[in-house]
Amino acid sequence: MNAPRTIAEYLRQLREALRGADPALIQDALYDAEEHLRAELAENPQRSEAEMLAHVVGSYGAPDEVADIYRDQEIKIQRALRPPPPPKRRSVLGRFFGVAADARTYGALFYMLLSLATGIFYFTWAVTGISLSASLSILIIGLPFIVLFFGSVRVLSLMEGRIVETMLGMRMPRRPVYPVQQLGLMKRIGRMFTDLHTWTTICYMWLMLPLGIVYFTLAVTLLSVSVAFIASPLALAVDRSQFGGLFLDGQPLINWGLGFHEVGWVDVTVLCMIGIVLLFATLHLARSLGIMHGHIAKVMLVPRDSE
């Protein structure tokens, strides 16, 4: 590989060396490299770009060396994000109840509960920003407002990425896309409009409202029903008159398809077993939805040109 003589060539070689790696890793590596190279160039204005790169290659590393370092670090990051799964169980029951030992399950469940709040915030921010940008575009303050809005979208993208990585275990970028230095101000603003990543992020913010409603509703409903069924023997033992359900003359009634009858210990035992099964089924659903949403966030929040 020829020694790079410009920053753009160095970054191109680094991208080639990282081909096939995680897009989030590539974005972080490119940002760190470009930030370091431009800082070196600013601190040594007497040096040409080629001279600076010749010096930096010896200290910071050649593109292929830097790529190897990042790949090694990524292995450690992935191990931290994805702790060793619980030992595989051969029986169907073991696999079904073993979901409770998977830490990712609880992160996904908490994300489902949090998603309603974040979904409302993202949707409100995106709709308000787009509406004001369109209405203010005819005024002189419209352009600065649009730039600020698009900048805030990128900041929220990174914030959501950190939430997704922490709770769902999906590797997301820790660095933004480095701004293109060679372009003038107007061209950089125009690039914001044509950047597909900006619009996929805004679409993600819109999508989070319906997804957040679905996730929150599923989590709260299924958890509430599960806990209520599991606690039914305790409720019957405390006071049968407050067990719940359909009451007739103060007595709780239940119907298993054979007609209504007074609730007894057999009934609440069956309800308790149903509640336990439903609770673990909810944990499986939460983990599956967490994996699915992690891939959605990866596709919509990580620019594809990082690959």
Protein backbone atom coordinates (compact mmCIF):
# COMPACT_ATOMS: atom_id res chain seq x y z
CA MET A 1 0.00 0.00 0.00
CA ASN A 2 1.45 3.38 -1.03
CA ALA A 3 2.17 5.91 1.71
CA PRO A 4 -0.70 8.43 1.88
CA ARG A 5 0.18 12.02 0.94
CA THR A 6 -3.14 13.67 1.87
CA ILE A 7 -5.59 13.28 4.72
CA ALA A 8 -8.30 12.18 2.30
CA GLU A 9 -6.01 9.45 0.95
CA TYR A 10 -5.12 8.32 4.48
CA LEU A 11 -8.81 8.03 5.37
CA ARG A 12 -9.55 6.18 2.12
CA GLN A 13 -6.83 3.64 2.91
CA LEU A 14 -8.08 3.29 6.48
CA ARG A 15 -11.61 2.67 5.18
CA GLU A 16 -10.28 0.04 2.79
CA ALA A 17 -8.32 -1.63 5.59
CA LEU A 18 -11.49 -1.76 7.70
CA ARG A 19 -13.67 -3.14 4.90
CA GLY A 20 -16.12 -5.69 6.27
CA ALA A 21 -15.91 -4.38 9.84
CA ASP A 22 -18.88 -3.08 11.80
CA PRO A 23 -20.10 0.26 10.29
CA ALA A 24 -20.11 1.80 13.79
CA LEU A 25 -16.46 0.82 14.23
CA ILE A 26 -15.56 2.33 10.85
CA GLN A 27 -17.28 5.61 11.70
CA ASP A 28 -15.45 5.84 15.04
CA ALA A 29 -12.07 5.01 13.48
CA LEU A 30 -12.47 7.53 10.65
CA TYR A 31 -13.54 10.28 13.05
CA ASP A 32 -10.65 9.65 15.46
CA ALA A 33 -8.11 9.50 12.63
CA GLU A 34 -9.32 12.64 10.88
CA GLU A 35 -9.55 14.58 14.14
CA HIS A 36 -5.98 13.58 15.04
CA LEU A 37 -4.57 14.36 11.59
CA ARG A 38 -6.21 17.77 11.34
CA ALA A 39 -5.08 18.64 14.86
CA GLU A 40 -1.51 17.73 13.88
CA LEU A 41 -1.77 19.83 10.74
CA ALA A 42 -3.11 22.82 12.69
CA GLU A 43 -0.33 22.58 15.29
CA ASN A 44 2.37 22.46 12.60
CA PRO A 45 1.35 24.96 9.93
CA GLN A 46 4.90 25.11 8.59
CA ARG A 47 4.64 21.51 7.41
CA SER A 48 2.87 20.46 4.26
CA GLU A 49 0.14 17.83 4.43
CA ALA A 50 2.48 15.21 2.98
CA GLU A 51 5.23 15.99 5.51
CA MET A 52 2.78 15.88 8.39
CA LEU A 53 1.44 12.50 7.25
CA ALA A 54 4.96 11.08 6.93
CA HIS A 55 5.57 12.10 10.53
CA VAL A 56 2.22 10.88 11.80
CA VAL A 57 2.51 7.47 10.15
CA GLY A 58 5.49 6.83 12.38
CA SER A 59 3.68 7.87 15.59
CA TYR A 60 -0.05 7.37 15.03
CA GLY A 61 0.40 4.44 12.66
CA ALA A 62 -0.15 3.54 9.03
CA PRO A 63 -3.77 2.95 7.95
CA ASP A 64 -3.46 -0.84 8.05
CA GLU A 65 -1.83 -0.72 11.49
CA VAL A 66 -4.54 1.55 12.85
CA ALA A 67 -7.17 -0.76 11.38
CA ASP A 68 -5.64 -3.75 13.17
CA ILE A 69 -5.65 -1.86 16.48
CA TYR A 70 -9.31 -0.96 16.09
CA ARG A 71 -10.23 -4.54 15.16
CA ASP A 72 -8.49 -5.80 18.31
CA GLN A 73 -10.26 -3.22 20.46
CA GLU A 74 -13.58 -4.13 18.86
CA ILE A 75 -13.23 -7.70 20.09
CA LYS A 76 -12.96 -6.41 23.65
CA ILE A 77 -15.91 -4.06 23.13
CA GLN A 78 -18.08 -6.85 21.77
CA ARG A 79 -17.21 -9.04 24.74
CA ALA A 80 -18.25 -6.23 27.08
CA LEU A 81 -21.47 -5.58 25.17
CA ARG A 82 -22.35 -9.24 24.89
CA PRO A 83 -21.49 -11.02 28.12
CA PRO A 84 -21.19 -14.78 27.87
CA PRO A 85 -24.65 -16.25 27.43
CA PRO A 86 -25.96 -18.66 30.05
CA PRO A 87 -25.06 -22.30 29.44
CA LYS A 88 -27.19 -23.92 26.78
CA ARG A 89 -29.89 -26.18 28.08
CA ARG A 90 -30.93 -29.22 26.14
CA SER A 91 -34.49 -29.54 27.38
CA VAL A 92 -37.32 -27.40 26.05
CA LEU A 93 -38.25 -26.34 29.58
CA GLY A 94 -34.64 -25.43 30.34
CA ARG A 95 -34.43 -23.19 27.27
CA PHE A 96 -37.82 -21.66 28.03
CA PHE A 97 -37.10 -20.74 31.66
CA GLY A 98 -33.40 -20.04 31.03
CA VAL A 99 -34.27 -16.66 29.50
CA ALA A 100 -34.41 -15.30 33.05
CA ALA A 101 -30.63 -15.79 33.34
CA ASP A 102 -29.88 -13.65 30.26
CA ALA A 103 -28.97 -10.08 31.26
CA ARG A 104 -29.95 -8.78 27.79
CA THR A 105 -33.54 -9.74 28.50
CA TYR A 106 -33.91 -7.16 31.26
CA GLY A 107 -32.16 -4.46 29.25
CA ALA A 108 -34.61 -5.04 26.41
CA LEU A 109 -37.57 -5.05 28.81
CA PHE A 110 -36.48 -1.75 30.34
CA TYR A 111 -36.00 -0.30 26.84
CA MET A 112 -39.59 -1.24 26.02
CA LEU A 113 -40.80 0.65 29.09
CA LEU A 114 -38.59 3.65 28.31
CA SER A 115 -39.44 3.76 24.61
CA LEU A 116 -42.77 5.52 25.11
CA ALA A 117 -41.08 8.56 26.69
CA THR A 118 -38.25 8.66 24.16
CA GLY A 119 -40.66 8.03 21.28
CA ILE A 120 -42.87 10.97 22.26
CA PHE A 121 -39.82 13.22 22.64
CA TYR A 122 -38.21 12.20 19.33
CA PHE A 123 -41.47 12.45 17.39
CA THR A 124 -42.30 15.88 18.86
CA TRP A 125 -38.78 17.14 18.18
CA ALA A 126 -38.73 15.90 14.58
CA VAL A 127 -42.22 17.13 13.67
CA THR A 128 -41.70 20.52 15.32
CA GLY A 129 -38.28 20.94 13.76
CA ILE A 130 -39.42 20.03 10.24
CA SER A 131 -42.51 22.24 10.52
CA LEU A 132 -40.60 25.27 11.79
CA SER A 133 -37.82 24.73 9.26
CA ALA A 134 -40.34 24.75 6.41
CA SER A 135 -42.23 27.78 7.73
CA LEU A 136 -39.08 29.81 8.55
CA SER A 137 -37.28 28.98 5.31
CA ILE A 138 -38.68 32.13 3.66
CA LEU A 139 -37.13 34.31 6.40
CA ILE A 140 -33.51 35.22 7.00
CA ILE A 141 -33.48 33.27 10.28
CA GLY A 142 -34.71 30.15 8.51
CA LEU A 143 -31.29 28.93 7.35
CA PRO A 144 -29.58 29.13 10.79
CA PHE A 145 -32.60 27.39 12.34
CA ILE A 146 -32.44 24.55 9.80
CA VAL A 147 -28.71 24.09 10.43
CA LEU A 148 -29.30 23.97 14.18
CA PHE A 149 -32.15 21.50 13.76
CA PHE A 150 -30.10 19.15 11.58
CA GLY A 151 -27.25 19.43 14.07
CA SER A 152 -29.59 18.51 16.91
CA VAL A 153 -30.79 15.49 14.93
CA ARG A 154 -27.22 14.19 14.75
CA VAL A 155 -26.74 14.74 18.47
CA LEU A 156 -29.97 12.86 19.25
CA SER A 157 -28.84 10.09 16.91
CA LEU A 158 -25.68 9.61 18.98
CA MET A 159 -27.69 9.76 22.22
CA GLU A 160 -30.14 7.13 21.02
CA GLY A 161 -27.21 5.04 19.86
CA ARG A 162 -25.76 5.05 23.37
CA ILE A 163 -29.13 4.01 24.81
CA VAL A 164 -29.49 1.19 22.26
CA GLU A 165 -25.93 -0.01 22.85
CA THR A 166 -26.28 0.02 26.64
CA MET A 167 -29.70 -1.64 26.87
CA LEU A 168 -29.88 -3.79 23.75
CA GLY A 169 -26.20 -4.68 23.27
CA MET A 170 -26.06 -3.50 19.66
CA ARG A 171 -22.75 -1.82 18.72
CA MET A 172 -23.43 1.81 17.80
CA PRO A 173 -21.12 4.72 16.91
CA ARG A 174 -19.48 6.69 19.69
CA ARG A 175 -18.31 9.45 17.36
CA PRO A 176 -20.29 11.58 14.89
CA VAL A 177 -19.51 11.77 11.21
CA TYR A 178 -16.58 14.17 10.86
CA PRO A 179 -17.56 17.38 9.01
CA VAL A 180 -16.03 17.74 5.56
CA GLN A 181 -13.40 20.46 5.90
CA GLN A 182 -12.79 21.08 2.18
CA LEU A 183 -16.34 22.24 1.54
CA GLY A 184 -17.51 25.81 2.03
CA LEU A 185 -20.26 26.74 4.44
CA MET A 186 -23.05 26.71 1.87
CA LYS A 187 -21.91 23.40 0.40
CA ARG A 188 -21.75 21.88 3.86
CA ILE A 189 -25.29 23.08 4.54
CA GLY A 190 -26.41 21.64 1.20
CA ARG A 191 -24.74 18.36 2.13
CA MET A 192 -26.96 18.18 5.23
CA PHE A 193 -30.04 18.26 2.98
CA THR A 194 -28.71 15.57 0.64
CA ASP A 195 -27.22 13.35 3.34
CA LEU A 196 -29.31 10.18 3.49
CA HIS A 197 -28.21 9.61 7.08
CA THR A 198 -29.97 12.81 8.20
CA TRP A 199 -33.30 11.71 6.72
CA THR A 200 -33.09 8.12 7.93
CA THR A 201 -32.46 9.49 11.43
CA ILE A 202 -35.52 11.75 11.18
CA CYS A 203 -37.59 8.80 9.93
CA TYR A 204 -36.34 6.78 12.91
CA MET A 205 -37.49 9.56 15.24
CA TRP A 206 -40.95 9.49 13.63
CA LEU A 207 -41.06 5.70 13.80
CA MET A 208 -40.20 5.65 17.50
CA LEU A 209 -43.64 6.99 18.50
CA PRO A 210 -45.70 4.05 17.15
CA LEU A 211 -42.99 1.59 18.15
CA GLY A 212 -42.79 3.12 21.62
CA ILE A 213 -46.56 2.84 22.07
CA VAL A 214 -46.50 -0.81 20.98
CA TYR A 215 -43.48 -1.71 23.11
CA PHE A 216 -44.79 0.06 26.24
CA THR A 217 -48.31 -1.35 25.86
CA LEU A 218 -47.04 -4.90 25.39
CA ALA A 219 -44.64 -4.68 28.33
CA VAL A 220 -47.08 -3.12 30.79
CA THR A 221 -50.05 -5.27 29.78
CA LEU A 222 -48.23 -8.60 29.76
CA LEU A 223 -46.33 -7.90 32.96
CA SER A 224 -49.47 -6.72 34.76
CA VAL A 225 -51.51 -9.75 33.71
CA SER A 226 -48.65 -12.11 34.59
CA VAL A 227 -48.14 -10.65 38.06
CA ALA A 228 -51.89 -10.58 38.71
CA PHE A 229 -52.25 -14.25 37.80
CA ILE A 230 -49.19 -15.25 39.84
CA ALA A 231 -50.51 -13.37 42.87
CA SER A 232 -54.02 -14.81 42.62
CA PRO A 233 -53.49 -17.51 45.33
CA LEU A 234 -52.25 -14.83 47.70
CA ALA A 235 -55.25 -12.64 46.93
CA LEU A 236 -57.64 -15.52 47.57
CA ALA A 237 -55.89 -16.37 50.80
CA VAL A 238 -56.02 -12.79 52.09
CA ASP A 239 -59.64 -12.11 51.33
CA ARG A 240 -61.75 -14.02 48.85
CA SER A 241 -64.18 -11.13 48.58
CA GLN A 242 -61.45 -8.99 46.96
CA PHE A 243 -60.11 -11.54 44.50
CA GLY A 244 -61.49 -9.70 41.44
CA GLY A 245 -63.25 -10.96 38.35
CA LEU A 246 -67.02 -11.32 37.98
CA PHE A 247 -68.82 -11.00 41.27
CA LEU A 248 -72.23 -12.33 42.23
CA ASP A 249 -73.51 -11.65 45.75
CA GLY A 250 -69.98 -10.84 46.87
CA GLN A 251 -68.51 -14.12 45.58
CA PRO A 252 -65.83 -14.16 42.83
CA LEU A 253 -66.78 -16.34 39.88
CA ILE A 254 -64.69 -17.83 37.09
CA ASN A 255 -65.52 -19.60 33.84
CA TRP A 256 -63.18 -22.12 32.16
CA GLY A 257 -65.66 -22.76 29.38
CA LEU A 258 -67.93 -25.01 31.41
CA GLY A 259 -70.00 -22.30 33.08
CA PHE A 260 -69.40 -19.93 35.99
CA HIS A 261 -68.50 -21.32 39.37
CA GLU A 262 -67.03 -19.98 42.59
CA VAL A 263 -63.26 -19.54 42.53
CA GLY A 264 -61.40 -22.18 44.51
CA TRP A 265 -57.82 -23.19 45.18
CA VAL A 266 -57.66 -25.31 42.05
CA ASP A 267 -58.63 -22.30 39.95
CA VAL A 268 -56.07 -19.93 41.45
CA THR A 269 -53.37 -22.60 41.17
CA VAL A 270 -54.09 -22.90 37.45
CA LEU A 271 -54.08 -19.10 37.12
CA CYS A 272 -50.75 -18.95 38.95
CA MET A 273 -49.21 -21.50 36.57
CA ILE A 274 -50.58 -19.59 33.56
CA GLY A 275 -49.10 -16.39 35.00
CA ILE A 276 -45.65 -17.98 35.37
CA VAL A 277 -45.71 -19.24 31.78
CA LEU A 278 -46.95 -15.87 30.54
CA LEU A 279 -44.21 -14.05 32.47
CA PHE A 280 -41.43 -16.08 30.88
CA ALA A 281 -43.09 -15.80 27.47
CA THR A 282 -43.03 -12.02 28.00
CA LEU A 283 -39.29 -12.17 28.72
CA HIS A 284 -38.74 -14.11 25.49
CA LEU A 285 -40.80 -11.55 23.59
CA ALA A 286 -38.84 -8.67 25.14
CA ARG A 287 -35.51 -10.21 24.18
CA SER A 288 -36.68 -10.86 20.61
CA LEU A 289 -38.04 -7.32 20.23
CA GLY A 290 -34.77 -5.97 21.65
CA ILE A 291 -32.76 -7.83 19.02
CA MET A 292 -35.13 -6.66 16.27
CA HIS A 293 -35.05 -3.03 17.39
CA GLY A 294 -31.28 -3.09 17.69
CA HIS A 295 -31.04 -4.00 14.00
CA ILE A 296 -33.58 -1.30 13.09
CA ALA A 297 -31.48 1.31 14.94
CA LYS A 298 -28.31 0.01 13.27
CA VAL A 299 -29.75 0.37 9.80
CA MET A 300 -31.32 3.80 10.32
CA LEU A 301 -28.85 5.54 12.62
CA VAL A 302 -25.50 4.37 11.21
CA PRO A 303 -24.57 5.87 7.82
CA ARG A 304 -24.01 3.20 5.19
CA ASP A 305 -21.16 5.14 3.56
CA SER A 306 -19.05 4.26 6.60
CA GLU A 307 -18.71 0.75 5.22
